[in-house]
C-alpha atoms as a PDB file:
ATOM      1  CA  MET A   1      49.309 -15.360 -54.430  1.00  0.00           C
ATOM      2  CA  ARG A   2      50.258 -17.952 -56.949  1.00  0.00           C
ATOM      3  CA  GLN A   3      49.224 -21.422 -56.268  1.00  0.00           C
ATOM      4  CA  SER A   4      51.932 -23.833 -55.432  1.00  0.00           C
ATOM      5  CA  ILE A   5      53.386 -26.257 -58.024  1.00  0.00           C
ATOM      6  CA  LEU A   6      52.985 -28.908 -55.435  1.00  0.00           C
ATOM      7  CA  SER A   7      49.156 -28.350 -55.443  1.00  0.00           C
ATOM      8  CA  PHE A   8      48.974 -27.723 -59.047  1.00  0.00           C
ATOM      9  CA  GLY A   9      48.916 -31.452 -60.538  1.00  0.00           C
ATOM     10  CA  ILE A  10      48.225 -33.360 -57.556  1.00  0.00           C
ATOM     11  CA  ALA A  11      44.832 -34.364 -59.006  1.00  0.00           C
ATOM     12  CA  VAL A  12      46.311 -35.538 -62.355  1.00  0.00           C
ATOM     13  CA  LEU A  13      48.940 -37.467 -60.434  1.00  0.00           C
ATOM     14  CA  ALA A  14      46.191 -38.939 -57.906  1.00  0.00           C
ATOM     15  CA  ALA A  15      45.393 -41.972 -60.024  1.00  0.00           C
ATOM     16  CA  MET A  16      48.660 -43.149 -60.758  1.00  0.00           C
ATOM     17  CA  LEU A  17      49.645 -42.688 -56.846  1.00  0.00           C
ATOM     18  CA  TRP A  18      46.450 -44.522 -55.699  1.00  0.00           C
ATOM     19  CA  ALA A  19      47.227 -47.376 -58.038  1.00  0.00           C
ATOM     20  CA  SER A  20      50.678 -47.485 -56.480  1.00  0.00           C
ATOM     21  CA  CYS A  21      49.558 -47.197 -52.832  1.00  0.00           C
ATOM     22  CA  SER A  22      46.822 -49.826 -53.455  1.00  0.00           C
ATOM     23  CA  ALA A  23      49.556 -52.190 -54.108  1.00  0.00           C
ATOM     24  CA  GLN A  24      50.498 -51.953 -50.812  1.00  0.00           C
ATOM     25  CA  ALA A  25      47.471 -54.225 -49.485  1.00  0.00           C
ATOM     26  CA  LYS A  26      48.573 -56.916 -51.599  1.00  0.00           C
ATOM     27  CA  GLN A  27      50.573 -59.699 -50.448  1.00  0.00           C
ATOM     28  CA  GLN A  28      54.030 -59.690 -52.210  1.00  0.00           C
ATOM     29  CA  HIS A  29      55.631 -62.529 -53.363  1.00  0.00           C
ATOM     30  CA  VAL A  30      59.820 -63.036 -53.593  1.00  0.00           C
ATOM     31  CA  SER A  31      61.451 -65.998 -55.681  1.00  0.00           C
ATOM     32  CA  SER A  32      64.317 -66.445 -53.280  1.00  0.00           C
ATOM     33  CA  GLY A  33      64.987 -65.594 -49.888  1.00  0.00           C
ATOM     34  CA  LYS A  34      62.086 -64.518 -47.601  1.00  0.00           C
ATOM     35  CA  LEU A  35      59.916 -61.384 -47.257  1.00  0.00           C
ATOM     36  CA  GLU A  36      58.578 -60.104 -43.629  1.00  0.00           C
ATOM     37  CA  GLU A  37      55.921 -57.697 -43.861  1.00  0.00           C
ATOM     38  CA  TYR A  38      54.814 -54.941 -41.426  1.00  0.00           C
ATOM     39  CA  LYS A  39      51.387 -53.442 -42.367  1.00  0.00           C
ATOM     40  CA  PRO A  40      51.320 -50.660 -41.402  1.00  0.00           C
ATOM     41  CA  PHE A  41      54.384 -49.335 -39.970  1.00  0.00           C
ATOM     42  CA  ALA A  42      53.181 -46.222 -37.748  1.00  0.00           C
ATOM     43  CA  SER A  43      55.250 -43.240 -37.172  1.00  0.00           C
ATOM     44  CA  LYS A  44      54.744 -40.140 -35.310  1.00  0.00           C
ATOM     45  CA  TYR A  45      56.630 -38.096 -37.784  1.00  0.00           C
ATOM     46  CA  VAL A  46      54.967 -39.203 -41.117  1.00  0.00           C
ATOM     47  CA  ALA A  47      51.811 -40.916 -42.516  1.00  0.00           C
ATOM     48  CA  SER A  48      52.025 -44.731 -41.659  1.00  0.00           C
ATOM     49  CA  ARG A  49      53.142 -46.983 -44.455  1.00  0.00           C
ATOM     50  CA  ASN A  50      54.255 -50.385 -45.167  1.00  0.00           C
ATOM     51  CA  VAL A  51      57.482 -51.806 -44.546  1.00  0.00           C
ATOM     52  CA  ALA A  52      58.953 -55.210 -45.881  1.00  0.00           C
ATOM     53  CA  VAL A  53      62.364 -56.724 -44.973  1.00  0.00           C
ATOM     54  CA  TRP A  54      63.819 -58.944 -47.289  1.00  0.00           C
ATOM     55  CA  LEU A  55      66.216 -61.748 -45.780  1.00  0.00           C
ATOM     56  CA  PRO A  56      68.712 -63.866 -47.936  1.00  0.00           C
ATOM     57  CA  GLU A  57      68.299 -67.526 -47.837  1.00  0.00           C
ATOM     58  CA  GLY A  58      69.834 -69.189 -44.746  1.00  0.00           C
ATOM     59  CA  TYR A  59      69.778 -65.693 -42.870  1.00  0.00           C
ATOM     60  CA  GLU A  60      69.162 -65.928 -38.903  1.00  0.00           C
ATOM     61  CA  ARG A  61      68.643 -62.757 -36.864  1.00  0.00           C
ATOM     62  CA  GLY A  62      71.834 -61.939 -35.223  1.00  0.00           C
ATOM     63  CA  MET A  63      73.859 -62.768 -38.489  1.00  0.00           C
ATOM     64  CA  GLU A  64      76.298 -60.206 -39.014  1.00  0.00           C
ATOM     65  CA  CYS A  65      75.232 -58.508 -42.368  1.00  0.00           C
ATOM     66  CA  ASP A  66      74.869 -55.195 -44.043  1.00  0.00           C
ATOM     67  CA  VAL A  67      71.431 -53.017 -44.458  1.00  0.00           C
ATOM     68  CA  VAL A  68      70.215 -51.423 -47.744  1.00  0.00           C
ATOM     69  CA  TYR A  69      67.069 -48.824 -46.946  1.00  0.00           C
ATOM     70  CA  MET A  70      65.331 -48.701 -50.201  1.00  0.00           C
ATOM     71  CA  HIS A  71      62.494 -45.898 -51.011  1.00  0.00           C
ATOM     72  CA  ASP A  72      59.393 -46.991 -53.117  1.00  0.00           C
ATOM     73  CA  GLY A  73      59.286 -50.374 -51.428  1.00  0.00           C
ATOM     74  CA  GLN A  74      55.969 -51.685 -53.360  1.00  0.00           C
ATOM     75  CA  MET A  75      58.013 -51.459 -56.555  1.00  0.00           C
ATOM     76  CA  LEU A  76      60.932 -53.884 -55.442  1.00  0.00           C
ATOM     77  CA  PHE A  77      59.905 -57.482 -55.450  1.00  0.00           C
ATOM     78  CA  ASP A  78      56.699 -58.551 -57.286  1.00  0.00           C
ATOM     79  CA  SER A  79      55.492 -57.020 -60.671  1.00  0.00           C
ATOM     80  CA  THR A  80      52.211 -58.668 -60.283  1.00  0.00           C
ATOM     81  CA  THR A  81      51.378 -56.298 -57.339  1.00  0.00           C
ATOM     82  CA  THR A  82      52.950 -52.984 -59.012  1.00  0.00           C
ATOM     83  CA  TRP A  83      50.930 -50.313 -60.784  1.00  0.00           C
ATOM     84  CA  ASN A  84      53.018 -50.822 -64.084  1.00  0.00           C
ATOM     85  CA  LYS A  85      53.617 -54.434 -63.807  1.00  0.00           C
ATOM     86  CA  GLN A  86      57.445 -53.661 -63.336  1.00  0.00           C
ATOM     87  CA  GLU A  87      59.925 -54.383 -60.631  1.00  0.00           C
ATOM     88  CA  TRP A  88      63.352 -53.856 -59.511  1.00  0.00           C
ATOM     89  CA  GLN A  89      64.169 -57.743 -59.042  1.00  0.00           C
ATOM     90  CA  VAL A  90      65.907 -57.078 -55.755  1.00  0.00           C
ATOM     91  CA  ASP A  91      65.508 -60.528 -54.359  1.00  0.00           C
ATOM     92  CA  GLU A  92      66.766 -62.142 -57.670  1.00  0.00           C
ATOM     93  CA  VAL A  93      69.820 -59.651 -58.124  1.00  0.00           C
ATOM     94  CA  MET A  94      70.730 -59.897 -54.282  1.00  0.00           C
ATOM     95  CA  SER A  95      70.153 -63.492 -54.184  1.00  0.00           C
ATOM     96  CA  ARG A  96      72.320 -64.320 -57.158  1.00  0.00           C
ATOM     97  CA  LEU A  97      75.166 -61.769 -56.082  1.00  0.00           C
ATOM     98  CA  ILE A  98      75.352 -63.321 -52.546  1.00  0.00           C
ATOM     99  CA  SER A  99      75.292 -66.840 -53.642  1.00  0.00           C
ATOM    100  CA  ALA A 100      78.392 -66.125 -56.022  1.00  0.00           C
ATOM    101  CA  GLY A 101      79.993 -64.606 -53.181  1.00  0.00           C
ATOM    102  CA  GLU A 102      80.454 -61.385 -54.809  1.00  0.00           C
ATOM    103  CA  ILE A 103      78.655 -59.437 -52.307  1.00  0.00           C
ATOM    104  CA  ARG A 104      78.527 -59.574 -48.444  1.00  0.00           C
ATOM    105  CA  PRO A 105      75.133 -60.864 -47.104  1.00  0.00           C
ATOM    106  CA  ALA A 106      72.784 -57.898 -46.746  1.00  0.00           C
ATOM    107  CA  ILE A 107      68.985 -57.599 -45.666  1.00  0.00           C
ATOM    108  CA  VAL A 108      66.736 -54.925 -47.440  1.00  0.00           C
ATOM    109  CA  VAL A 109      64.560 -52.779 -45.780  1.00  0.00           C
ATOM    110  CA  ALA A 110      61.645 -51.684 -48.332  1.00  0.00           C
ATOM    111  CA  ILE A 111      59.808 -48.514 -47.211  1.00  0.00           C
ATOM    112  CA  ASP A 112      56.678 -47.735 -49.332  1.00  0.00           C
ATOM    113  CA  ASN A 113      55.927 -44.578 -50.891  1.00  0.00           C
ATOM    114  CA  THR A 114      52.181 -43.062 -50.105  1.00  0.00           C
ATOM    115  CA  VAL A 115      50.133 -40.254 -52.037  1.00  0.00           C
ATOM    116  CA  ASP A 116      52.792 -38.036 -50.186  1.00  0.00           C
ATOM    117  CA  ARG A 117      55.725 -39.164 -51.997  1.00  0.00           C
ATOM    118  CA  LEU A 118      56.595 -36.062 -53.885  1.00  0.00           C
ATOM    119  CA  GLN A 119      56.443 -34.228 -50.296  1.00  0.00           C
ATOM    120  CA  ASP A 120      58.540 -36.801 -48.852  1.00  0.00           C
ATOM    121  CA  TYR A 121      61.234 -37.174 -51.036  1.00  0.00           C
ATOM    122  CA  PHE A 122      61.795 -33.568 -51.947  1.00  0.00           C
ATOM    123  CA  PRO A 123      65.157 -32.106 -50.506  1.00  0.00           C
ATOM    124  CA  GLN A 124      63.738 -29.538 -48.472  1.00  0.00           C
ATOM    125  CA  GLY A 125      66.628 -28.077 -47.170  1.00  0.00           C
ATOM    126  CA  CYS A 126      67.601 -26.410 -50.518  1.00  0.00           C
ATOM    127  CA  ARG A 127      64.658 -23.974 -50.098  1.00  0.00           C
ATOM    128  CA  GLU A 128      66.690 -21.827 -48.007  1.00  0.00           C
ATOM    129  CA  TYR A 129      68.981 -21.275 -51.063  1.00  0.00           C
ATOM    130  CA  MET A 130      66.022 -20.080 -53.114  1.00  0.00           C
ATOM    131  CA  PRO A 131      64.938 -16.442 -53.784  1.00  0.00           C
ATOM    132  CA  ALA A 132      62.219 -15.739 -50.998  1.00  0.00           C
ATOM    133  CA  GLU A 133      59.513 -15.244 -53.456  1.00  0.00           C
ATOM    134  CA  ALA A 134      60.034 -18.835 -55.278  1.00  0.00           C
ATOM    135  CA  ARG A 135      60.489 -20.916 -52.379  1.00  0.00           C
ATOM    136  CA  ASP A 136      56.985 -22.355 -52.255  1.00  0.00           C
ATOM    137  CA  GLN A 137      56.920 -23.333 -55.738  1.00  0.00           C
ATOM    138  CA  TRP A 138      57.228 -27.133 -54.370  1.00  0.00           C
ATOM    139  CA  GLY A 139      55.521 -26.384 -51.452  1.00  0.00           C
ATOM    140  CA  THR A 140      55.454 -24.446 -48.440  1.00  0.00           C
ATOM    141  CA  GLU A 141      57.690 -25.845 -45.636  1.00  0.00           C
ATOM    142  CA  ALA A 142      54.470 -26.975 -43.676  1.00  0.00           C
ATOM    143  CA  GLU A 143      53.642 -29.097 -47.102  1.00  0.00           C
ATOM    144  CA  LEU A 144      57.194 -30.619 -47.208  1.00  0.00           C
ATOM    145  CA  HIS A 145      58.135 -33.747 -45.424  1.00  0.00           C
ATOM    146  CA  ALA A 146      61.495 -34.810 -46.208  1.00  0.00           C
ATOM    147  CA  ASP A 147      63.027 -33.894 -42.880  1.00  0.00           C
ATOM    148  CA  ALA A 148      60.268 -35.816 -41.119  1.00  0.00           C
ATOM    149  CA  TYR A 149      60.567 -38.838 -43.445  1.00  0.00           C
ATOM    150  CA  LEU A 150      64.246 -38.942 -42.559  1.00  0.00           C
ATOM    151  CA  ARG A 151      63.636 -38.809 -38.736  1.00  0.00           C
ATOM    152  CA  PHE A 152      61.095 -41.520 -39.119  1.00  0.00           C
ATOM    153  CA  ILE A 153      63.828 -43.614 -40.892  1.00  0.00           C
ATOM    154  CA  VAL A 154      66.500 -42.683 -38.344  1.00  0.00           C
ATOM    155  CA  GLU A 155      64.818 -42.486 -35.110  1.00  0.00           C
ATOM    156  CA  GLU A 156      61.852 -45.156 -35.303  1.00  0.00           C
ATOM    157  CA  LEU A 157      62.494 -47.482 -38.290  1.00  0.00           C
ATOM    158  CA  LYS A 158      66.101 -48.261 -37.867  1.00  0.00           C
ATOM    159  CA  PRO A 159      66.222 -48.821 -34.088  1.00  0.00           C
ATOM    160  CA  PHE A 160      63.042 -51.265 -35.135  1.00  0.00           C
ATOM    161  CA  VAL A 161      65.281 -53.178 -37.913  1.00  0.00           C
ATOM    162  CA  ASP A 162      68.349 -53.081 -35.626  1.00  0.00           C
ATOM    163  CA  SER A 163      66.604 -54.632 -32.450  1.00  0.00           C
ATOM    164  CA  THR A 164      64.458 -57.204 -34.641  1.00  0.00           C
ATOM    165  CA  TYR A 165      66.882 -58.400 -36.986  1.00  0.00           C
ATOM    166  CA  ARG A 166      70.522 -57.575 -34.913  1.00  0.00           C
ATOM    167  CA  PRO A 167      72.642 -56.710 -38.313  1.00  0.00           C
ATOM    168  CA  LEU A 168      75.609 -54.703 -38.314  1.00  0.00           C
ATOM    169  CA  THR A 169      74.285 -51.136 -37.456  1.00  0.00           C
ATOM    170  CA  ASP A 170      77.383 -48.788 -38.055  1.00  0.00           C
ATOM    171  CA  ARG A 171      77.264 -46.454 -40.937  1.00  0.00           C
ATOM    172  CA  GLU A 172      79.973 -48.465 -43.028  1.00  0.00           C
ATOM    173  CA  HIS A 173      77.490 -51.223 -43.268  1.00  0.00           C
ATOM    174  CA  THR A 174      74.093 -49.001 -43.732  1.00  0.00           C
ATOM    175  CA  VAL A 175      73.165 -48.283 -47.196  1.00  0.00           C
ATOM    176  CA  ILE A 176      70.307 -46.059 -48.807  1.00  0.00           C
ATOM    177  CA  MET A 177      69.066 -45.888 -52.054  1.00  0.00           C
ATOM    178  CA  GLY A 178      66.576 -44.977 -54.455  1.00  0.00           C
ATOM    179  CA  SER A 179      65.644 -43.637 -57.959  1.00  0.00           C
ATOM    180  CA  SER A 180      64.313 -40.590 -59.389  1.00  0.00           C
ATOM    181  CA  MET A 181      62.995 -38.606 -56.359  1.00  0.00           C
ATOM    182  CA  GLY A 182      64.467 -41.529 -54.260  1.00  0.00           C
ATOM    183  CA  GLY A 183      67.623 -40.733 -55.536  1.00  0.00           C
ATOM    184  CA  LEU A 184      67.505 -37.269 -54.273  1.00  0.00           C
ATOM    185  CA  ILE A 185      66.421 -38.279 -50.764  1.00  0.00           C
ATOM    186  CA  SER A 186      68.994 -40.848 -50.814  1.00  0.00           C
ATOM    187  CA  LEU A 187      71.657 -38.134 -51.516  1.00  0.00           C
ATOM    188  CA  TYR A 188      70.001 -35.543 -48.653  1.00  0.00           C
ATOM    189  CA  ALA A 189      69.989 -38.600 -46.479  1.00  0.00           C
ATOM    190  CA  LEU A 190      73.637 -38.831 -46.800  1.00  0.00           C
ATOM    191  CA  CYS A 191      73.993 -35.163 -46.217  1.00  0.00           C
ATOM    192  CA  GLU A 192      71.680 -34.928 -43.124  1.00  0.00           C
ATOM    193  CA  TYR A 193      72.709 -38.215 -41.386  1.00  0.00           C
ATOM    194  CA  PRO A 194      76.318 -38.912 -42.156  1.00  0.00           C
ATOM    195  CA  GLN A 195      76.696 -40.447 -39.202  1.00  0.00           C
ATOM    196  CA  VAL A 196      73.683 -43.226 -39.750  1.00  0.00           C
ATOM    197  CA  PHE A 197      74.257 -43.630 -43.414  1.00  0.00           C
ATOM    198  CA  GLY A 198      77.890 -44.445 -45.108  1.00  0.00           C
ATOM    199  CA  LYS A 199      76.644 -45.210 -48.699  1.00  0.00           C
ATOM    200  CA  ALA A 200      74.206 -43.663 -50.963  1.00  0.00           C
ATOM    201  CA  GLY A 201      72.624 -44.990 -54.096  1.00  0.00           C
ATOM    202  CA  CYS A 202      70.966 -42.358 -56.400  1.00  0.00           C
ATOM    203  CA  MET A 203      70.001 -44.209 -59.539  1.00  0.00           C
ATOM    204  CA  SER A 204      68.316 -41.825 -62.338  1.00  0.00           C
ATOM    205  CA  THR A 205      68.461 -38.912 -59.857  1.00  0.00           C
ATOM    206  CA  HIS A 206      65.791 -36.315 -60.247  1.00  0.00           C
ATOM    207  CA  LEU A 207      68.458 -33.511 -60.547  1.00  0.00           C
ATOM    208  CA  SER A 208      66.500 -31.207 -62.569  1.00  0.00           C
ATOM    209  CA  LEU A 209      64.065 -30.978 -59.478  1.00  0.00           C
ATOM    210  CA  ALA A 210      61.214 -30.419 -62.447  1.00  0.00           C
ATOM    211  CA  LEU A 211      57.854 -31.295 -61.034  1.00  0.00           C
ATOM    212  CA  PRO A 212      55.545 -33.322 -63.328  1.00  0.00           C
ATOM    213  CA  MET A 213      52.660 -31.526 -64.482  1.00  0.00           C
ATOM    214  CA  SER A 214      53.820 -28.155 -63.839  1.00  0.00           C
ATOM    215  CA  PRO A 215      52.806 -25.098 -65.295  1.00  0.00           C
ATOM    216  CA  MET A 216      54.975 -23.297 -68.057  1.00  0.00           C
ATOM    217  CA  GLN A 217      57.984 -21.270 -66.413  1.00  0.00           C
ATOM    218  CA  SER A 218      60.856 -19.532 -67.749  1.00  0.00           C
ATOM    219  CA  VAL A 219      64.258 -21.500 -68.223  1.00  0.00           C
ATOM    220  CA  ALA A 220      65.499 -19.366 -65.388  1.00  0.00           C
ATOM    221  CA  ASP A 221      62.814 -20.361 -62.987  1.00  0.00           C
ATOM    222  CA  CYS A 222      63.317 -23.979 -63.816  1.00  0.00           C
ATOM    223  CA  LEU A 223      66.989 -23.661 -62.902  1.00  0.00           C
ATOM    224  CA  ARG A 224      66.838 -22.110 -59.615  1.00  0.00           C
ATOM    225  CA  TRP A 225      65.945 -25.670 -58.174  1.00  0.00           C
ATOM    226  CA  PRO A 226      68.631 -27.651 -59.167  1.00  0.00           C
ATOM    227  CA  ILE A 227      71.150 -24.494 -58.284  1.00  0.00           C
ATOM    228  CA  ALA A 228      69.736 -24.276 -54.956  1.00  0.00           C
ATOM    229  CA  PHE A 229      70.169 -28.026 -54.458  1.00  0.00           C
ATOM    230  CA  ASN A 230      73.725 -27.683 -55.701  1.00  0.00           C
ATOM    231  CA  GLN A 231      74.427 -24.946 -53.023  1.00  0.00           C
ATOM    232  CA  TYR A 232      72.827 -27.288 -50.453  1.00  0.00           C
ATOM    233  CA  VAL A 233      75.169 -30.192 -51.358  1.00  0.00           C
ATOM    234  CA  ASP A 234      78.226 -28.061 -51.439  1.00  0.00           C
ATOM    235  CA  LYS A 235      77.530 -26.889 -47.976  1.00  0.00           C
ATOM    236  CA  HIS A 236      76.458 -30.188 -46.568  1.00  0.00           C
ATOM    237  CA  LEU A 237      78.219 -32.843 -48.414  1.00  0.00           C
ATOM    238  CA  PRO A 238      80.015 -35.112 -45.591  1.00  0.00           C
ATOM    239  CA  ALA A 239      83.963 -34.843 -46.105  1.00  0.00           C
ATOM    240  CA  ALA A 240      85.622 -36.028 -49.123  1.00  0.00           C
ATOM    241  CA  ASN A 241      85.945 -39.800 -49.281  1.00  0.00           C
ATOM    242  CA  SER A 242      84.330 -40.473 -46.109  1.00  0.00           C
ATOM    243  CA  ALA A 243      81.316 -42.230 -47.636  1.00  0.00           C
ATOM    244  CA  LEU A 244      80.399 -44.017 -50.965  1.00  0.00           C
ATOM    245  CA  ILE A 245      78.192 -42.377 -53.382  1.00  0.00           C
ATOM    246  CA  TYR A 246      76.752 -43.889 -56.507  1.00  0.00           C
ATOM    247  CA  MET A 247      74.839 -42.009 -58.904  1.00  0.00           C
ATOM    248  CA  ASP A 248      73.949 -43.035 -62.593  1.00  0.00           C
ATOM    249  CA  ARG A 249      71.377 -42.024 -65.344  1.00  0.00           C
ATOM    250  CA  GLY A 250      70.150 -43.451 -68.735  1.00  0.00           C
ATOM    251  CA  THR A 251      70.045 -41.585 -71.903  1.00  0.00           C
ATOM    252  CA  VAL A 252      66.705 -41.975 -72.932  1.00  0.00           C
ATOM    253  CA  GLU A 253      63.441 -39.804 -72.538  1.00  0.00           C
ATOM    254  CA  LEU A 254      63.499 -38.198 -68.955  1.00  0.00           C
ATOM    255  CA  ASP A 255      67.064 -39.862 -68.082  1.00  0.00           C
ATOM    256  CA  GLY A 256      68.261 -38.243 -70.927  1.00  0.00           C
ATOM    257  CA  SER A 257      67.393 -34.675 -69.861  1.00  0.00           C
ATOM    258  CA  TYR A 258      69.300 -35.201 -66.466  1.00  0.00           C
ATOM    259  CA  ALA A 259      72.692 -35.064 -68.348  1.00  0.00           C
ATOM    260  CA  PRO A 260      73.624 -31.470 -67.920  1.00  0.00           C
ATOM    261  CA  PHE A 261      72.316 -31.709 -64.335  1.00  0.00           C
ATOM    262  CA  GLN A 262      74.345 -34.865 -63.311  1.00  0.00           C
ATOM    263  CA  GLU A 263      77.450 -33.253 -64.952  1.00  0.00           C
ATOM    264  CA  GLN A 264      77.148 -30.345 -62.963  1.00  0.00           C
ATOM    265  CA  MET A 265      76.573 -32.512 -59.965  1.00  0.00           C
ATOM    266  CA  ASN A 266      79.830 -34.421 -60.803  1.00  0.00           C
ATOM    267  CA  ARG A 267      81.998 -31.493 -61.302  1.00  0.00           C
ATOM    268  CA  LEU A 268      80.804 -30.253 -57.718  1.00  0.00           C
ATOM    269  CA  ILE A 269      81.485 -33.577 -56.001  1.00  0.00           C
ATOM    270  CA  ARG A 270      84.815 -34.073 -57.309  1.00  0.00           C
ATOM    271  CA  SER A 271      85.837 -30.283 -56.785  1.00  0.00           C
ATOM    272  CA  LYS A 272      85.547 -31.145 -53.306  1.00  0.00           C
ATOM    273  CA  GLY A 273      88.008 -33.912 -53.434  1.00  0.00           C
ATOM    274  CA  TRP A 274      85.997 -36.905 -53.754  1.00  0.00           C
ATOM    275  CA  ASP A 275      87.871 -39.936 -55.806  1.00  0.00           C
ATOM    276  CA  ASP A 276      86.919 -42.812 -58.068  1.00  0.00           C
ATOM    277  CA  LYS A 277      87.086 -45.169 -55.306  1.00  0.00           C
ATOM    278  CA  HIS A 278      84.169 -43.254 -53.359  1.00  0.00           C
ATOM    279  CA  PHE A 279      82.346 -41.608 -55.875  1.00  0.00           C
ATOM    280  CA  LYS A 280      80.774 -43.341 -59.147  1.00  0.00           C
ATOM    281  CA  SER A 281      78.798 -41.505 -61.603  1.00  0.00           C
ATOM    282  CA  LEU A 282      77.743 -43.793 -64.670  1.00  0.00           C
ATOM    283  CA  VAL A 283      75.968 -43.425 -67.782  1.00  0.00           C
ATOM    284  CA  PHE A 284      73.793 -46.480 -69.144  1.00  0.00           C
ATOM    285  CA  ASP A 285      73.374 -45.871 -73.032  1.00  0.00           C
ATOM    286  CA  GLY A 286      69.624 -46.988 -73.878  1.00  0.00           C
ATOM    287  CA  HIS A 287      68.023 -46.925 -70.647  1.00  0.00           C
ATOM    288  CA  GLU A 288      64.964 -45.368 -69.631  1.00  0.00           C
ATOM    289  CA  HIS A 289      63.408 -44.261 -66.508  1.00  0.00           C
ATOM    290  CA  LYS A 290      61.877 -47.142 -65.240  1.00  0.00           C
ATOM    291  CA  GLU A 291      62.116 -50.143 -63.030  1.00  0.00           C
ATOM    292  CA  THR A 292      63.256 -52.770 -65.760  1.00  0.00           C
ATOM    293  CA  CYS A 293      66.149 -50.475 -66.555  1.00  0.00           C
ATOM    294  CA  TRP A 294      66.909 -49.976 -62.699  1.00  0.00           C
ATOM    295  CA  ALA A 295      66.593 -53.891 -62.454  1.00  0.00           C
ATOM    296  CA  ALA A 296      69.031 -54.191 -65.179  1.00  0.00           C
ATOM    297  CA  ARG A 297      71.524 -52.532 -63.599  1.00  0.00           C
ATOM    298  CA  LEU A 298      71.095 -52.750 -60.079  1.00  0.00           C
ATOM    299  CA  ASP A 299      74.211 -55.114 -59.622  1.00  0.00           C
ATOM    300  CA  THR A 300      76.444 -52.030 -60.189  1.00  0.00           C
ATOM    301  CA  PRO A 301      75.845 -50.307 -57.181  1.00  0.00           C
ATOM    302  CA  LEU A 302      75.414 -53.471 -54.982  1.00  0.00           C
ATOM    303  CA  LEU A 303      78.928 -54.541 -55.940  1.00  0.00           C
ATOM    304  CA  PHE A 304      80.198 -51.047 -55.375  1.00  0.00           C
ATOM    305  CA  PHE A 305      78.600 -51.254 -51.804  1.00  0.00           C
ATOM    306  CA  LEU A 306      78.840 -54.549 -50.678  1.00  0.00           C
ATOM    307  CA  GLY A 307      81.154 -56.201 -53.032  1.00  0.00           C
ATOM    308  CA  ASN A 308      83.879 -58.767 -51.670  1.00  0.00           C
ATOM    309  CA  LYS A 309      87.111 -57.489 -52.695  1.00  0.00           C
END
């Protein structure tokens, strides 16, 4: 039996992932607002992980505000604690937009990744659309944790945030977003829990579903996964214009390779009746697959989701 692609390359990824996870133990600092950290946040569904909640200046518990759930939490606020010395600058961008009155006040729930990042973020629901002999290339059903990860957010983390901070709790004020694999799991979350999440931000979404360091495969084999994911989205995407979906990509290196996959996803979503007020898919020329680029355009999805119109 062929060894799963998921297990292949895990040793190569370990150093990078360990560096990322090691940053979780360091105290993060923000330049504006306040960061409250929960180390670790336990779960009965997935491995425990650190969670941080960013609060804007002047925030008081019970204040009406939106909530933005973001993946890869240790990469969002403080470049001195990240493995690559880059960050999303979430506190700076959020503070600037809130202070200028361009967006509504919101808190950010930053969910750290773990060494199980790939398993947590891979949209396992698309496995059923794969030929049986190829379903385990990303990992067996037991190795994939996306459904459990979303249950952690919906059944454990969100109730904690809602009861502790008392923000607006309905789907219209609940955003989930991330980049790369975090973009995949955000779109998957909207499909799986449309009653919970009303807005999904998917930046540099890894729509090719190619696994880094995977062994050589035929073009046909490589295309099976994005086709399966499109079939999943076609069956599970919420009703047209019932939510907000933001997607984007850059044009350099890995982001440039997403072009045909993003265009196919755009056609699929448009064909189901989504209009420009509810679905945006943008291209940022010269942007790469890295935190500094996501920081540079973070205001775009935030204005789309939280803008004062």
